[in-house]
Every structure is written in C-alpha cells, then in structure tokens.
C-alpha cells in the first residue's frame, strides 16, 4: 500500500504513559480498589477501561485526551448528562466521587462511570426508530432549555472550513491529488452554504452530537444513550440523520418513523431537512482532518492503516463529488 509520506508516530505521545498500573492507581486515587481485572474498551479519541472492583460492580474509567476540552467544557457535558438523567432519560452520567465528577492523576484527567451493557438497536424496525426518536425528542427538550457556555457550535466553519484548512496546510493530501481534492472540497463547501441558506435561521440547542447506532445501546427496557463526548450546540437534525441508511426512499421512511416519536416531545422545524446531506458532507471533511490531527497517536496508524494512502484520497474525492450532487436534491421530507 502506497502511504503518502508523513512523520513517524511520536513515541512520546501523552497516552504512552497510561499503562495498566497508572489506570489502577487513578482508580485508587478516588477511593476505589480494583481486583486486577482491566479491559481496554474500544475508543480512540480518549482511553476507556472497564475495571473490576474488589467490592462492587465493575466501573468504566474514561481518560480524556489532553488539550482537547477544557475542564469547563468537560464539566458542562457532565452537567448536561446529569440533567438528562434527572428527567429520567436513559443516559449514563459520570459518578460523583467526593463531590466531583472530573478527577486528575499523573497528569491525566478522568471520570468514572457505571458500566452499562446493551446491543446495537435494530434500525430496520420502525418501532425501534420511533422509540429512539421519542428519547431524542426528550433529550432535545432539555437541551433547548439553555445554551452551552464553554462548548462550541457545530457549523460549516468548525466542521468544514477549519478541517479543510488544516489538511491543506499540513500536506496530508498527495501533491498529485491536492488540486483536485481542494477543488471538490470547495464545491462541497459551496453546496453546504446553499443548504444552510435554504434552511434559513434555525434554533440551536445542546445536542448529543454523535448519535449514531454505536452510541445507542438496546436493552429489554429500550434504548440508552452513551458517549456525549462530542456534545455541542447545533441544529436538532444532527442527532437524527445518522440513524438513516439505504436508498433515498428508505431514508424518507426512516425519518418519518423517527419524527413520529420525536415530535411527541419536541417540535421539529422541517426546514432542517435541507441540512441532512450538508451535515453528512461536513462530517466527511471533518473525519479526514480528525484522523490527520491524531496521526501522532500510535493507536491511529495501527487502527486506520488505510488512512493517507493514495487510494484513500481518491475515494474521498469521489465521495465528495457524490455529496455535491446530493446536496442539490430535494430534502427527504416535504418542506
């Protein structure tokens, strides 16, 4: 595989010091004592571990990526999730220990959460989509009550222009593809701007922010929502479109099922549906930059060996060309 030349992963990445001994020491620093069982869970942005306790049920420890969020931003997320739990919405708030939810040990910031299991939801079932829609509606009803003060807004600048500028200035795109890639990104960002213009001014609220099927766990009691790490301000449809898949007509039906539950608890502005493909486009651009920004983390080259190859950027060019066309199509629902 022909990888575009990039610097070798830095051996002194901040997470390099986070070994099992340090994880267990962090647990002890808040008065919890592990029984030696430690399982690394699937997470790349942060480091997450399940730890067995000598006295009690296992817990989950989340170590936050250094310099990503301020303490204030992390605590805002914790407060929002706790607020949702107070409204009997099935989320997993951080556990207060000693009156605090954010702790520090050995230069790392971490939080402790109860362990919650579950399976992936069956998104092909209309009843499941309606059930999930009801809870997202409840989340948004709470999220609309007040804005975030320390967390950013999901918009075309933060998820489109800034990632695009980062990738251009750091030379990740192979020189022979750079001009073509830059041209199609510019076309895509123009398409995003047109979608936002069609949608007009819309209310922004506190979102889950990354509400895909992997962050909705299903139990016999229904869904519960995990990992609010990407929570930020944004339009409500951001938490809905990632539940859709398949051909256009299938997505129209899926959106109808989600909204059937959602609108029991929260009003939905139909003009937001102009943003579905725009938000998908922004996520694609942002994802490439996210991988590039984390490339010095040894976990990323190991987990994403296909990133930054010639084929990778060729596929992104084709993908964005398709999005340019999709953004000019009518929305998924009559507006």
Foldseek 3Di string as FASTA:
>chain_A
DFFDDDDDFDCVAPCNPVDPVQVQVQCVVLPWHFPPDKAWDDDDQWTKIWTHTPPDGIKMKTWHRPPPADPLVVVVLLVLQVVLVVVVQFEKHFDDGPNDQWDDDPHIIMGITHDDAFAFDDLVDLVQLLLVLQSLLSSQVSFLPDFDDRFAEDDCCVLQVVLLVLCVVRVLAPPVCVVLLNVLSVLLSVLLVVLDVQLDDDDKTWHLQDQARVQWGQDPVGTHGYDSVRIHIYASCSNPLNSADDDLLRRLSSSVSSVNNNVVRHDHDVSCLLCSLSVVLSNLSNVLSVLVVCVSPVVSCVVCVVRSGNVNSVVSSVVSVVSSVVSPDDGSDDD
